[in-house]
């Protein structure tokens, strides 16, 4: 996934090249646009975000207004790449978990890789509530929000449980995910039961990368690919997403390598049952 800072820097390079192609130095551009020379430098070095109005002024000063639509599209992509969790959490956990159901419903093939957690779409309510409670504590939200948020989160699970023939799913997880517990032994036992059920759904491919698998690619953060139009991933403090074609193509290649390492069907169910025995 493109780092948001790197994406901002790349936009800055494009703007600097535009200035150089116009034969302007930084002070000259500043004089024409009304920016300070320091602002020009910060934008070109990816330290400061640029506003859309400033892009238009920059391009006009460089006699390159024809580049404005593309540059604004890039600028909006940079903004989408980085969404702070704390800022989004102000609306509450229920609000967050209620979002994006329409994106899931409109997706013909959802590809999911997780290395540190069971995919949220596959949680049982008890495990989802326990997991969300840990999130609430981490970010200073009331733990009483956890159970309603879990129910909101599982509302989109209806897409999985009541297939329409328009939606298919391909999950790949690392085997170690099966040993990450939330909610206690009884809740996790029921969670493993549900995963076994998922492995038998005709519209779902559920793969597990075994321990000590001969790796084709390293294990990194999880991600969701919605058809071939959107990729989303979470890290500790932010959610990152992209619609850029080259980024999506990269993640499709990564997912293909990951799914080739995974086992499906009976071998996957054996790994789930092995985790159940460790739990007991």
C-alpha atoms as a PDB file:
ATOM      1  CA  UNK A   1       0.000   0.000   0.000  1.00  0.00           C
ATOM      2  CA  UNK A   2       1.301   3.463  -0.807  1.00  0.00           C
ATOM      3  CA  UNK A   3       2.409   5.307   2.343  1.00  0.00           C
ATOM      4  CA  UNK A   4       0.413   8.557   2.669  1.00  0.00           C
ATOM      5  CA  UNK A   5       3.581  10.612   3.185  1.00  0.00           C
ATOM      6  CA  UNK A   6       5.189   9.032   0.123  1.00  0.00           C
ATOM      7  CA  UNK A   7       2.073   9.792  -1.934  1.00  0.00           C
ATOM      8  CA  UNK A   8       2.146  13.423  -0.794  1.00  0.00           C
ATOM      9  CA  UNK A   9       5.834  13.626  -1.691  1.00  0.00           C
ATOM     10  CA  UNK A  10       5.149  12.183  -5.142  1.00  0.00           C
ATOM     11  CA  UNK A  11       2.541  14.878  -5.750  1.00  0.00           C
ATOM     12  CA  UNK A  12       5.076  17.468  -4.627  1.00  0.00           C
ATOM     13  CA  UNK A  13       7.593  16.165  -7.162  1.00  0.00           C
ATOM     14  CA  UNK A  14       5.035  16.531  -9.948  1.00  0.00           C
ATOM     15  CA  UNK A  15       4.328  20.125  -8.931  1.00  0.00           C
ATOM     16  CA  UNK A  16       8.048  20.912  -8.744  1.00  0.00           C
ATOM     17  CA  UNK A  17       8.555  19.452 -12.223  1.00  0.00           C
ATOM     18  CA  UNK A  18       5.694  21.611 -13.486  1.00  0.00           C
ATOM     19  CA  UNK A  19       7.393  24.694 -12.020  1.00  0.00           C
ATOM     20  CA  UNK A  20      10.756  23.774 -13.537  1.00  0.00           C
ATOM     21  CA  UNK A  21       9.178  23.085 -16.947  1.00  0.00           C
ATOM     22  CA  UNK A  22       7.761  26.605 -16.793  1.00  0.00           C
ATOM     23  CA  UNK A  23      11.231  28.022 -16.115  1.00  0.00           C
ATOM     24  CA  UNK A  24      10.299  29.391 -12.692  1.00  0.00           C
ATOM     25  CA  UNK A  25      12.211  29.220  -9.440  1.00  0.00           C
ATOM     26  CA  UNK A  26      10.429  28.939  -6.121  1.00  0.00           C
ATOM     27  CA  UNK A  27      10.417  32.666  -5.385  1.00  0.00           C
ATOM     28  CA  UNK A  28       9.064  33.501  -8.820  1.00  0.00           C
ATOM     29  CA  UNK A  29       6.222  31.009  -8.450  1.00  0.00           C
ATOM     30  CA  UNK A  30       5.485  32.409  -4.991  1.00  0.00           C
ATOM     31  CA  UNK A  31       5.309  35.927  -6.370  1.00  0.00           C
ATOM     32  CA  UNK A  32       2.857  34.946  -9.115  1.00  0.00           C
ATOM     33  CA  UNK A  33       0.575  32.831  -6.919  1.00  0.00           C
ATOM     34  CA  UNK A  34       0.746  34.865  -3.731  1.00  0.00           C
ATOM     35  CA  UNK A  35       2.154  31.908  -1.804  1.00  0.00           C
ATOM     36  CA  UNK A  36       5.110  32.364   0.504  1.00  0.00           C
ATOM     37  CA  UNK A  37       8.397  30.802  -0.705  1.00  0.00           C
ATOM     38  CA  UNK A  38       8.259  28.594   2.401  1.00  0.00           C
ATOM     39  CA  UNK A  39       4.841  27.280   1.393  1.00  0.00           C
ATOM     40  CA  UNK A  40       6.114  26.421  -2.096  1.00  0.00           C
ATOM     41  CA  UNK A  41       9.021  24.531  -0.552  1.00  0.00           C
ATOM     42  CA  UNK A  42       6.818  22.646   1.944  1.00  0.00           C
ATOM     43  CA  UNK A  43       4.388  21.571  -0.785  1.00  0.00           C
ATOM     44  CA  UNK A  44       7.146  20.421  -3.144  1.00  0.00           C
ATOM     45  CA  UNK A  45       8.794  18.397  -0.380  1.00  0.00           C
ATOM     46  CA  UNK A  46       5.554  16.714   0.690  1.00  0.00           C
ATOM     47  CA  UNK A  47       5.556  18.383   4.106  1.00  0.00           C
ATOM     48  CA  UNK A  48       2.316  20.305   3.543  1.00  0.00           C
ATOM     49  CA  UNK A  49      -0.901  19.279   1.828  1.00  0.00           C
ATOM     50  CA  UNK A  50      -1.982  21.450  -1.070  1.00  0.00           C
ATOM     51  CA  UNK A  51      -5.536  22.720  -1.448  1.00  0.00           C
ATOM     52  CA  UNK A  52      -7.417  22.282  -4.708  1.00  0.00           C
ATOM     53  CA  UNK A  53      -7.597  26.039  -5.222  1.00  0.00           C
ATOM     54  CA  UNK A  54      -3.816  26.201  -4.793  1.00  0.00           C
ATOM     55  CA  UNK A  55      -3.363  23.507  -7.457  1.00  0.00           C
ATOM     56  CA  UNK A  56      -5.339  25.644  -9.884  1.00  0.00           C
ATOM     57  CA  UNK A  57      -3.261  28.735  -9.044  1.00  0.00           C
ATOM     58  CA  UNK A  58      -0.006  26.744  -9.332  1.00  0.00           C
ATOM     59  CA  UNK A  59      -0.956  25.296 -12.724  1.00  0.00           C
ATOM     60  CA  UNK A  60      -2.112  28.681 -14.047  1.00  0.00           C
ATOM     61  CA  UNK A  61       1.186  30.268 -13.022  1.00  0.00           C
ATOM     62  CA  UNK A  62       3.006  27.531 -14.939  1.00  0.00           C
ATOM     63  CA  UNK A  63       0.711  27.787 -18.016  1.00  0.00           C
ATOM     64  CA  UNK A  64      -0.310  24.177 -17.397  1.00  0.00           C
ATOM     65  CA  UNK A  65      -3.981  24.441 -16.459  1.00  0.00           C
ATOM     66  CA  UNK A  66      -4.677  21.398 -18.619  1.00  0.00           C
ATOM     67  CA  UNK A  67      -3.070  19.273 -15.865  1.00  0.00           C
ATOM     68  CA  UNK A  68      -5.477  20.482 -13.170  1.00  0.00           C
ATOM     69  CA  UNK A  69      -8.110  17.669 -13.372  1.00  0.00           C
ATOM     70  CA  UNK A  70      -5.482  14.939 -13.034  1.00  0.00           C
ATOM     71  CA  UNK A  71      -3.618  16.705 -10.223  1.00  0.00           C
ATOM     72  CA  UNK A  72      -6.821  17.274  -8.277  1.00  0.00           C
ATOM     73  CA  UNK A  73      -7.677  13.577  -8.667  1.00  0.00           C
ATOM     74  CA  UNK A  74      -4.232  12.693  -7.288  1.00  0.00           C
ATOM     75  CA  UNK A  75      -4.662  15.152  -4.418  1.00  0.00           C
ATOM     76  CA  UNK A  76      -7.998  13.571  -3.480  1.00  0.00           C
ATOM     77  CA  UNK A  77      -6.405  10.133  -3.589  1.00  0.00           C
ATOM     78  CA  UNK A  78      -3.724  11.316  -1.146  1.00  0.00           C
ATOM     79  CA  UNK A  79      -6.473  12.574   1.181  1.00  0.00           C
ATOM     80  CA  UNK A  80      -8.303   9.218   1.008  1.00  0.00           C
ATOM     81  CA  UNK A  81      -5.149   7.279   1.827  1.00  0.00           C
ATOM     82  CA  UNK A  82      -5.115   8.422   5.433  1.00  0.00           C
ATOM     83  CA  UNK A  83      -8.078   8.462   7.790  1.00  0.00           C
ATOM     84  CA  UNK A  84      -7.243   8.844  11.452  1.00  0.00           C
ATOM     85  CA  UNK A  85      -8.987   6.331  13.699  1.00  0.00           C
ATOM     86  CA  UNK A  86      -9.345   8.767  16.595  1.00  0.00           C
ATOM     87  CA  UNK A  87     -11.077  11.337  14.396  1.00  0.00           C
ATOM     88  CA  UNK A  88     -13.515   8.740  13.046  1.00  0.00           C
ATOM     89  CA  UNK A  89     -14.135   7.328  16.525  1.00  0.00           C
ATOM     90  CA  UNK A  90     -15.658  10.626  17.637  1.00  0.00           C
ATOM     91  CA  UNK A  91     -18.843   9.531  15.881  1.00  0.00           C
ATOM     92  CA  UNK A  92     -18.943   6.393  18.030  1.00  0.00           C
ATOM     93  CA  UNK A  93     -18.241   2.711  17.495  1.00  0.00           C
ATOM     94  CA  UNK A  94     -21.772   1.913  16.303  1.00  0.00           C
ATOM     95  CA  UNK A  95     -21.510   4.563  13.593  1.00  0.00           C
ATOM     96  CA  UNK A  96     -18.162   3.215  12.402  1.00  0.00           C
ATOM     97  CA  UNK A  97     -19.359  -0.379  12.260  1.00  0.00           C
ATOM     98  CA  UNK A  98     -22.513   0.656  10.372  1.00  0.00           C
ATOM     99  CA  UNK A  99     -20.551   2.205   7.522  1.00  0.00           C
ATOM    100  CA  UNK A 100     -19.743   0.798   4.099  1.00  0.00           C
ATOM    101  CA  UNK A 101     -22.364  -1.971   3.975  1.00  0.00           C
ATOM    102  CA  UNK A 102     -23.315  -0.643   0.540  1.00  0.00           C
ATOM    103  CA  UNK A 103     -19.707  -1.120  -0.626  1.00  0.00           C
ATOM    104  CA  UNK A 104     -19.837  -4.779   0.433  1.00  0.00           C
ATOM    105  CA  UNK A 105     -23.242  -5.269  -1.206  1.00  0.00           C
ATOM    106  CA  UNK A 106     -21.987  -3.821  -4.496  1.00  0.00           C
ATOM    107  CA  UNK A 107     -18.896  -6.054  -4.567  1.00  0.00           C
ATOM    108  CA  UNK A 108     -19.056  -9.150  -6.758  1.00  0.00           C
ATOM    109  CA  UNK A 109     -15.822 -10.669  -5.386  1.00  0.00           C
ATOM    110  CA  UNK A 110     -14.389  -9.661  -2.030  1.00  0.00           C
ATOM    111  CA  UNK A 111     -10.823 -10.837  -1.424  1.00  0.00           C
ATOM    112  CA  UNK A 112      -9.603 -10.672   2.184  1.00  0.00           C
ATOM    113  CA  UNK A 113      -6.223 -11.435   3.725  1.00  0.00           C
ATOM    114  CA  UNK A 114      -5.688 -11.305   7.482  1.00  0.00           C
ATOM    115  CA  UNK A 115      -2.495 -12.043   9.384  1.00  0.00           C
ATOM    116  CA  UNK A 116      -3.492 -10.928  12.897  1.00  0.00           C
ATOM    117  CA  UNK A 117      -7.264 -11.374  13.242  1.00  0.00           C
ATOM    118  CA  UNK A 118     -10.242 -13.333  12.002  1.00  0.00           C
ATOM    119  CA  UNK A 119     -11.817 -11.292   9.175  1.00  0.00           C
ATOM    120  CA  UNK A 120     -14.467  -9.037  10.651  1.00  0.00           C
ATOM    121  CA  UNK A 121     -17.090 -10.357   8.256  1.00  0.00           C
ATOM    122  CA  UNK A 122     -16.640 -13.821   9.841  1.00  0.00           C
ATOM    123  CA  UNK A 123     -16.888 -12.864  13.510  1.00  0.00           C
ATOM    124  CA  UNK A 124     -19.591 -14.288  15.742  1.00  0.00           C
ATOM    125  CA  UNK A 125     -21.384 -11.641  17.798  1.00  0.00           C
ATOM    126  CA  UNK A 126     -19.683 -12.596  21.087  1.00  0.00           C
ATOM    127  CA  UNK A 127     -16.194 -12.541  19.607  1.00  0.00           C
ATOM    128  CA  UNK A 128     -16.928  -9.314  17.713  1.00  0.00           C
ATOM    129  CA  UNK A 129     -18.154  -7.657  20.924  1.00  0.00           C
ATOM    130  CA  UNK A 130     -15.061  -8.764  22.847  1.00  0.00           C
ATOM    131  CA  UNK A 131     -12.730  -7.612  20.066  1.00  0.00           C
ATOM    132  CA  UNK A 132     -14.467  -4.230  19.753  1.00  0.00           C
ATOM    133  CA  UNK A 133     -14.290  -3.812  23.529  1.00  0.00           C
ATOM    134  CA  UNK A 134     -10.503  -4.042  23.309  1.00  0.00           C
ATOM    135  CA  UNK A 135     -10.612  -1.333  20.622  1.00  0.00           C
ATOM    136  CA  UNK A 136     -12.821   0.832  22.835  1.00  0.00           C
ATOM    137  CA  UNK A 137     -10.344   0.591  25.706  1.00  0.00           C
ATOM    138  CA  UNK A 138      -7.385   1.353  23.431  1.00  0.00           C
ATOM    139  CA  UNK A 139      -8.953   4.504  22.003  1.00  0.00           C
ATOM    140  CA  UNK A 140     -10.732   5.670  25.147  1.00  0.00           C
ATOM    141  CA  UNK A 141     -14.304   4.912  24.063  1.00  0.00           C
ATOM    142  CA  UNK A 142     -17.042   3.639  26.442  1.00  0.00           C
ATOM    143  CA  UNK A 143     -16.962  -0.159  26.555  1.00  0.00           C
ATOM    144  CA  UNK A 144     -20.780  -0.117  26.635  1.00  0.00           C
ATOM    145  CA  UNK A 145     -20.638   0.674  22.914  1.00  0.00           C
ATOM    146  CA  UNK A 146     -19.048  -2.707  22.133  1.00  0.00           C
ATOM    147  CA  UNK A 147     -22.135  -4.951  21.989  1.00  0.00           C
ATOM    148  CA  UNK A 148     -24.304  -2.574  19.873  1.00  0.00           C
ATOM    149  CA  UNK A 149     -21.290  -1.974  17.616  1.00  0.00           C
ATOM    150  CA  UNK A 150     -20.829  -5.728  17.208  1.00  0.00           C
ATOM    151  CA  UNK A 151     -24.449  -6.092  16.113  1.00  0.00           C
ATOM    152  CA  UNK A 152     -23.992  -3.242  13.638  1.00  0.00           C
ATOM    153  CA  UNK A 153     -20.827  -4.877  12.335  1.00  0.00           C
ATOM    154  CA  UNK A 154     -22.556  -8.216  11.808  1.00  0.00           C
ATOM    155  CA  UNK A 155     -25.456  -6.659   9.913  1.00  0.00           C
ATOM    156  CA  UNK A 156     -23.407  -6.926   6.722  1.00  0.00           C
ATOM    157  CA  UNK A 157     -22.823 -10.625   7.468  1.00  0.00           C
ATOM    158  CA  UNK A 158     -26.293 -11.204   6.047  1.00  0.00           C
ATOM    159  CA  UNK A 159     -24.687 -10.770   2.616  1.00  0.00           C
ATOM    160  CA  UNK A 160     -22.582 -13.835   3.381  1.00  0.00           C
ATOM    161  CA  UNK A 161     -25.256 -15.951   5.080  1.00  0.00           C
ATOM    162  CA  UNK A 162     -28.036 -15.280   2.584  1.00  0.00           C
ATOM    163  CA  UNK A 163     -26.267 -15.355  -0.773  1.00  0.00           C
ATOM    164  CA  UNK A 164     -27.989 -13.829  -3.767  1.00  0.00           C
ATOM    165  CA  UNK A 165     -25.664 -15.318  -6.364  1.00  0.00           C
ATOM    166  CA  UNK A 166     -24.179 -11.871  -7.001  1.00  0.00           C
ATOM    167  CA  UNK A 167     -21.550 -11.921  -4.261  1.00  0.00           C
ATOM    168  CA  UNK A 168     -18.585 -14.251  -3.768  1.00  0.00           C
ATOM    169  CA  UNK A 169     -15.853 -14.249  -1.135  1.00  0.00           C
ATOM    170  CA  UNK A 170     -12.255 -15.427  -0.939  1.00  0.00           C
ATOM    171  CA  UNK A 171     -10.629 -15.345   2.509  1.00  0.00           C
ATOM    172  CA  UNK A 172      -7.007 -16.182   3.276  1.00  0.00           C
ATOM    173  CA  UNK A 173      -5.718 -16.130   6.844  1.00  0.00           C
ATOM    174  CA  UNK A 174      -2.489 -17.084   8.563  1.00  0.00           C
ATOM    175  CA  UNK A 175      -2.864 -20.180  10.768  1.00  0.00           C
ATOM    176  CA  UNK A 176      -1.748 -18.170  13.805  1.00  0.00           C
ATOM    177  CA  UNK A 177      -4.966 -16.146  13.582  1.00  0.00           C
ATOM    178  CA  UNK A 178      -6.855 -19.180  14.912  1.00  0.00           C
ATOM    179  CA  UNK A 179      -5.004 -18.874  18.236  1.00  0.00           C
ATOM    180  CA  UNK A 180      -5.829 -15.191  18.803  1.00  0.00           C
ATOM    181  CA  UNK A 181      -8.710 -15.297  21.265  1.00  0.00           C
ATOM    182  CA  UNK A 182     -11.424 -12.839  22.213  1.00  0.00           C
ATOM    183  CA  UNK A 183     -14.238 -13.417  24.688  1.00  0.00           C
ATOM    184  CA  UNK A 184     -13.015 -16.591  26.379  1.00  0.00           C
ATOM    185  CA  UNK A 185     -12.933 -20.288  25.511  1.00  0.00           C
ATOM    186  CA  UNK A 186     -16.687 -20.779  24.988  1.00  0.00           C
ATOM    187  CA  UNK A 187     -16.946 -17.810  22.622  1.00  0.00           C
ATOM    188  CA  UNK A 188     -13.897 -18.962  20.669  1.00  0.00           C
ATOM    189  CA  UNK A 189     -15.227 -22.525  20.426  1.00  0.00           C
ATOM    190  CA  UNK A 190     -18.391 -21.159  18.798  1.00  0.00           C
ATOM    191  CA  UNK A 191     -16.243 -18.955  16.560  1.00  0.00           C
ATOM    192  CA  UNK A 192     -14.289 -21.962  15.298  1.00  0.00           C
ATOM    193  CA  UNK A 193     -17.593 -23.764  14.647  1.00  0.00           C
ATOM    194  CA  UNK A 194     -18.658 -20.863  12.455  1.00  0.00           C
ATOM    195  CA  UNK A 195     -15.373 -20.920  10.525  1.00  0.00           C
ATOM    196  CA  UNK A 196     -15.916 -24.618   9.790  1.00  0.00           C
ATOM    197  CA  UNK A 197     -19.391 -23.717   8.501  1.00  0.00           C
ATOM    198  CA  UNK A 198     -17.865 -21.012   6.291  1.00  0.00           C
ATOM    199  CA  UNK A 199     -15.458 -23.501   4.694  1.00  0.00           C
ATOM    200  CA  UNK A 200     -18.473 -25.405   3.349  1.00  0.00           C
ATOM    201  CA  UNK A 201     -20.301 -22.444   1.809  1.00  0.00           C
ATOM    202  CA  UNK A 202     -20.370 -22.822  -1.997  1.00  0.00           C
ATOM    203  CA  UNK A 203     -19.905 -19.101  -2.636  1.00  0.00           C
ATOM    204  CA  UNK A 204     -16.904 -18.834  -0.292  1.00  0.00           C
ATOM    205  CA  UNK A 205     -13.271 -19.903  -0.636  1.00  0.00           C
ATOM    206  CA  UNK A 206     -11.635 -20.067   2.789  1.00  0.00           C
ATOM    207  CA  UNK A 207      -7.903 -20.706   2.869  1.00  0.00           C
ATOM    208  CA  UNK A 208      -5.462 -21.018   5.753  1.00  0.00           C
ATOM    209  CA  UNK A 209      -1.705 -20.657   5.316  1.00  0.00           C
ATOM    210  CA  UNK A 210      -0.257 -23.497   7.432  1.00  0.00           C
ATOM    211  CA  UNK A 211       2.458 -22.974  10.037  1.00  0.00           C
ATOM    212  CA  UNK A 212       5.962 -23.255   8.561  1.00  0.00           C
ATOM    213  CA  UNK A 213       4.587 -23.035   5.015  1.00  0.00           C
ATOM    214  CA  UNK A 214       7.242 -22.528   2.345  1.00  0.00           C
ATOM    215  CA  UNK A 215       6.486 -18.862   1.865  1.00  0.00           C
ATOM    216  CA  UNK A 216       6.138 -17.230  -1.527  1.00  0.00           C
ATOM    217  CA  UNK A 217       5.672 -13.848   0.152  1.00  0.00           C
ATOM    218  CA  UNK A 218       6.160 -12.418   3.641  1.00  0.00           C
ATOM    219  CA  UNK A 219       3.303 -11.953   6.089  1.00  0.00           C
ATOM    220  CA  UNK A 220       2.308  -8.312   6.519  1.00  0.00           C
ATOM    221  CA  UNK A 221      -0.783  -6.287   7.382  1.00  0.00           C
ATOM    222  CA  UNK A 222      -4.182  -7.525   6.266  1.00  0.00           C
ATOM    223  CA  UNK A 223      -6.171  -5.957   3.459  1.00  0.00           C
ATOM    224  CA  UNK A 224      -9.518  -6.102   1.658  1.00  0.00           C
ATOM    225  CA  UNK A 225      -9.871  -5.936  -2.134  1.00  0.00           C
ATOM    226  CA  UNK A 226     -13.332  -4.960  -3.367  1.00  0.00           C
ATOM    227  CA  UNK A 227     -13.551  -6.372  -6.896  1.00  0.00           C
ATOM    228  CA  UNK A 228     -10.745  -4.565  -8.727  1.00  0.00           C
ATOM    229  CA  UNK A 229     -11.704  -1.042  -7.748  1.00  0.00           C
ATOM    230  CA  UNK A 230     -10.767  -0.481  -4.090  1.00  0.00           C
ATOM    231  CA  UNK A 231      -8.253  -1.708  -1.503  1.00  0.00           C
ATOM    232  CA  UNK A 232      -8.573  -1.003   2.211  1.00  0.00           C
ATOM    233  CA  UNK A 233      -6.255  -1.784   5.108  1.00  0.00           C
ATOM    234  CA  UNK A 234      -5.973  -0.835   8.782  1.00  0.00           C
ATOM    235  CA  UNK A 235      -2.854  -0.116  10.771  1.00  0.00           C
ATOM    236  CA  UNK A 236      -2.586   0.941  14.418  1.00  0.00           C
ATOM    237  CA  UNK A 237      -3.737   4.547  14.125  1.00  0.00           C
ATOM    238  CA  UNK A 238      -5.127   4.946  10.625  1.00  0.00           C
ATOM    239  CA  UNK A 239      -7.185   3.337   7.911  1.00  0.00           C
ATOM    240  CA  UNK A 240      -5.678   3.423   4.437  1.00  0.00           C
ATOM    241  CA  UNK A 241      -7.450   2.980   1.121  1.00  0.00           C
ATOM    242  CA  UNK A 242      -6.671   3.410  -2.549  1.00  0.00           C
ATOM    243  CA  UNK A 243      -8.395   3.252  -5.906  1.00  0.00           C
ATOM    244  CA  UNK A 244      -5.211   3.674  -7.931  1.00  0.00           C
ATOM    245  CA  UNK A 245      -4.949   1.057 -10.664  1.00  0.00           C
ATOM    246  CA  UNK A 246      -1.269   0.250 -10.105  1.00  0.00           C
ATOM    247  CA  UNK A 247      -1.820  -0.195  -6.370  1.00  0.00           C
ATOM    248  CA  UNK A 248      -4.810  -2.486  -6.878  1.00  0.00           C
ATOM    249  CA  UNK A 249      -2.869  -4.556  -9.413  1.00  0.00           C
ATOM    250  CA  UNK A 250      -0.029  -4.911  -6.889  1.00  0.00           C
ATOM    251  CA  UNK A 251      -2.384  -6.188  -4.190  1.00  0.00           C
ATOM    252  CA  UNK A 252      -4.043  -8.577  -6.587  1.00  0.00           C
ATOM    253  CA  UNK A 253      -0.608 -10.108  -7.271  1.00  0.00           C
ATOM    254  CA  UNK A 254       0.102 -10.275  -3.528  1.00  0.00           C
ATOM    255  CA  UNK A 255      -3.228 -11.980  -2.859  1.00  0.00           C
ATOM    256  CA  UNK A 256      -2.569 -14.496  -5.631  1.00  0.00           C
ATOM    257  CA  UNK A 257       0.730 -15.466  -3.986  1.00  0.00           C
ATOM    258  CA  UNK A 258      -0.924 -15.715  -0.573  1.00  0.00           C
ATOM    259  CA  UNK A 259      -3.792 -17.912  -1.741  1.00  0.00           C
ATOM    260  CA  UNK A 260      -1.330 -20.262  -3.463  1.00  0.00           C
ATOM    261  CA  UNK A 261       0.267 -20.953  -0.064  1.00  0.00           C
ATOM    262  CA  UNK A 262      -3.086 -21.650   1.605  1.00  0.00           C
ATOM    263  CA  UNK A 263      -4.916 -24.939   2.064  1.00  0.00           C
ATOM    264  CA  UNK A 264      -8.660 -25.305   1.582  1.00  0.00           C
ATOM    265  CA  UNK A 265     -11.428 -27.792   2.362  1.00  0.00           C
ATOM    266  CA  UNK A 266     -10.525 -30.715   4.615  1.00  0.00           C
ATOM    267  CA  UNK A 267      -6.915 -29.567   5.257  1.00  0.00           C
ATOM    268  CA  UNK A 268      -8.208 -26.146   6.353  1.00  0.00           C
ATOM    269  CA  UNK A 269     -10.790 -27.763   8.630  1.00  0.00           C
ATOM    270  CA  UNK A 270      -8.035 -29.906  10.164  1.00  0.00           C
ATOM    271  CA  UNK A 271      -6.135 -26.739  11.086  1.00  0.00           C
ATOM    272  CA  UNK A 272      -9.285 -25.304  12.665  1.00  0.00           C
ATOM    273  CA  UNK A 273      -9.840 -28.494  14.690  1.00  0.00           C
ATOM    274  CA  UNK A 274      -6.191 -28.438  15.797  1.00  0.00           C
ATOM    275  CA  UNK A 275      -6.746 -24.906  17.096  1.00  0.00           C
ATOM    276  CA  UNK A 276      -9.857 -26.125  18.927  1.00  0.00           C
ATOM    277  CA  UNK A 277      -7.833 -28.819  20.659  1.00  0.00           C
ATOM    278  CA  UNK A 278      -5.277 -26.225  21.773  1.00  0.00           C
ATOM    279  CA  UNK A 279      -8.133 -24.071  23.057  1.00  0.00           C
ATOM    280  CA  UNK A 280      -9.525 -26.957  25.136  1.00  0.00           C
END
